[in-house]
Amino acid sequence: MPRNNVLLLGMMALLMFGSFGFSTVSAVTTSGTKTETVKLPPGTYVGKFASIEFKADLSFSVTYEGQVVVKGKYTVKDNQVVLHDKAGPKACIGMDPGTYEWSLEGDKLSFLLLDDPCPGRRGLLKDATYVKK
């Protein structure tokens, strides 16, 4: 398939995802070309012990027993999410961020640990599944 057709199909798919509440992130490759990547759909996801809210402004918060215990920023590239804790009594401030592979099937958001030095975050996300509220 000619490259222009592939690009057109990709842009059409991004427009369709955008109309269903998915956001896109722009990135510039080393060759200088702009690419678009679908990111985590914003929303609140409830797990076994806590809930996580991903916002469209690329911030997140973790709620445990009715209290927000971590606030931070996240980035997404393909099927990987990187979480940077910024504030909260359970936040791993000053530690390297956590990197997870994520997948979404219906309303179930799953995480697979790739690298995370923060024991609390790792405990909540390692091989965990959350359901969209």
Protein backbone atom coordinates (compact mmCIF):
# COMPACT_ATOMS: atom_id res chain seq x y z
CA MET A 1 0.00 0.00 0.00
CA PRO A 2 1.46 3.41 -0.88
CA ARG A 3 2.76 5.40 2.09
CA ASN A 4 0.21 8.22 1.59
CA ASN A 5 -2.65 5.71 1.90
CA VAL A 6 -1.16 4.28 5.10
CA LEU A 7 -0.83 7.78 6.57
CA LEU A 8 -4.39 8.65 5.56
CA LEU A 9 -5.76 5.47 7.16
CA GLY A 10 -3.76 6.19 10.32
CA MET A 11 -5.11 9.73 10.56
CA MET A 12 -8.68 8.48 10.01
CA ALA A 13 -8.24 5.94 12.83
CA LEU A 14 -6.92 8.66 15.16
CA LEU A 15 -9.89 10.88 14.37
CA MET A 16 -12.27 7.99 15.12
CA PHE A 17 -10.54 7.23 18.46
CA GLY A 18 -10.64 10.92 19.34
CA SER A 19 -14.41 11.01 18.96
CA PHE A 20 -14.77 8.20 21.51
CA GLY A 21 -12.84 9.95 24.28
CA PHE A 22 -9.33 8.79 23.43
CA SER A 23 -6.65 11.44 23.29
CA THR A 24 -3.54 11.55 21.18
CA VAL A 25 0.01 12.50 21.99
CA SER A 26 2.31 14.00 19.39
CA ALA A 27 5.94 12.97 19.18
CA VAL A 28 8.75 13.95 16.86
CA THR A 29 11.03 11.16 15.72
CA THR A 30 14.78 11.56 15.27
CA SER A 31 14.20 11.92 11.54
CA GLY A 32 12.00 14.97 12.26
CA THR A 33 8.69 13.40 11.23
CA LYS A 34 5.66 13.82 13.47
CA THR A 35 3.86 10.71 14.71
CA GLU A 36 0.62 10.24 16.64
CA THR A 37 0.09 7.67 19.38
CA VAL A 38 -3.10 6.74 21.19
CA LYS A 39 -2.74 7.20 24.95
CA LEU A 40 -4.58 5.79 27.91
CA PRO A 41 -8.25 6.72 27.83
CA PRO A 42 -8.90 9.24 30.62
CA GLY A 43 -11.07 8.02 33.46
CA THR A 44 -11.12 6.38 36.85
CA TYR A 45 -10.12 2.73 37.09
CA VAL A 46 -10.89 0.69 40.21
CA GLY A 47 -8.59 -2.11 41.34
CA LYS A 48 -8.48 -4.58 44.21
CA PHE A 49 -6.93 -2.13 46.69
CA ALA A 50 -7.05 1.34 45.12
CA SER A 51 -8.35 3.40 42.23
CA ILE A 52 -6.35 5.34 39.66
CA GLU A 53 -7.62 8.34 37.76
CA PHE A 54 -5.87 9.19 34.50
CA LYS A 55 -6.69 12.71 33.30
CA ALA A 56 -6.47 14.09 29.76
CA ASP A 57 -3.83 16.62 30.92
CA LEU A 58 -1.44 13.65 31.52
CA SER A 59 -1.79 13.78 35.30
CA PHE A 60 -2.89 10.90 37.49
CA SER A 61 -3.95 10.32 41.07
CA VAL A 62 -4.18 7.21 43.22
CA THR A 63 -6.93 6.94 45.83
CA TYR A 64 -6.69 4.46 48.71
CA GLU A 65 -9.37 4.13 51.41
CA GLY A 66 -11.06 7.32 50.19
CA GLN A 67 -7.90 9.45 50.34
CA VAL A 68 -5.72 10.64 47.45
CA VAL A 69 -2.31 9.21 48.35
CA VAL A 70 -0.34 9.92 45.16
CA LYS A 71 -0.50 12.58 42.47
CA GLY A 72 1.75 12.60 39.47
CA LYS A 73 2.31 12.89 35.75
CA TYR A 74 2.39 10.14 33.15
CA THR A 75 3.60 9.66 29.62
CA VAL A 76 2.58 7.01 27.12
CA LYS A 77 4.44 5.60 24.17
CA ASP A 78 2.76 2.78 22.31
CA ASN A 79 1.74 0.23 24.94
CA GLN A 80 4.02 1.55 27.70
CA VAL A 81 3.10 4.02 30.41
CA VAL A 82 5.67 5.80 32.57
CA LEU A 83 4.46 7.11 35.94
CA HIS A 84 6.24 9.99 37.73
CA ASP A 85 5.05 10.55 41.32
CA LYS A 86 4.96 14.25 42.25
CA ALA A 87 3.06 14.57 45.56
CA GLY A 88 1.19 12.68 48.26
CA PRO A 89 1.88 10.73 51.44
CA LYS A 90 2.56 7.48 49.53
CA ALA A 91 4.39 9.06 46.57
CA CYS A 92 7.88 7.90 45.64
CA ILE A 93 9.23 11.41 45.17
CA GLY A 94 12.84 11.50 44.05
CA MET A 95 12.80 7.93 42.76
CA ASP A 96 12.97 6.91 39.13
CA PRO A 97 9.56 6.59 37.47
CA GLY A 98 7.75 3.29 37.06
CA THR A 99 7.37 1.79 33.59
CA TYR A 100 4.57 -0.63 32.77
CA GLU A 101 3.11 -2.26 29.69
CA TRP A 102 -0.62 -1.54 29.56
CA SER A 103 -3.52 -3.07 27.66
CA LEU A 104 -7.20 -2.26 27.52
CA GLU A 105 -9.86 -4.86 26.83
CA GLY A 106 -13.35 -3.42 27.08
CA ASP A 107 -13.39 -1.63 30.42
CA LYS A 108 -10.46 -3.61 31.91
CA LEU A 109 -7.09 -1.85 32.07
CA SER A 110 -4.19 -4.21 32.81
CA PHE A 111 -0.60 -3.46 33.77
CA LEU A 112 2.52 -5.59 33.41
CA LEU A 113 5.63 -4.52 35.32
CA LEU A 114 8.62 -3.57 33.17
CA ASP A 115 10.66 -1.53 35.69
CA ASP A 116 9.69 0.23 38.91
CA PRO A 117 11.92 1.00 41.91
CA CYS A 118 8.94 2.20 44.02
CA PRO A 119 7.64 -0.67 46.18
CA GLY A 120 4.22 0.91 46.82
CA ARG A 121 3.49 1.67 43.18
CA ARG A 122 4.84 -1.72 42.13
CA GLY A 123 2.57 -3.40 44.70
CA LEU A 124 -0.52 -1.72 43.27
CA LEU A 125 0.27 -2.14 39.57
CA LYS A 126 2.42 -5.25 39.08
CA ASP A 127 0.35 -7.67 37.00
CA ALA A 128 -2.84 -5.85 38.09
CA THR A 129 -6.15 -5.25 36.36
CA TYR A 130 -8.37 -2.23 36.97
CA VAL A 131 -11.97 -1.75 35.80
CA LYS A 132 -13.22 1.58 34.44
CA LYS A 133 -15.73 3.19 36.76
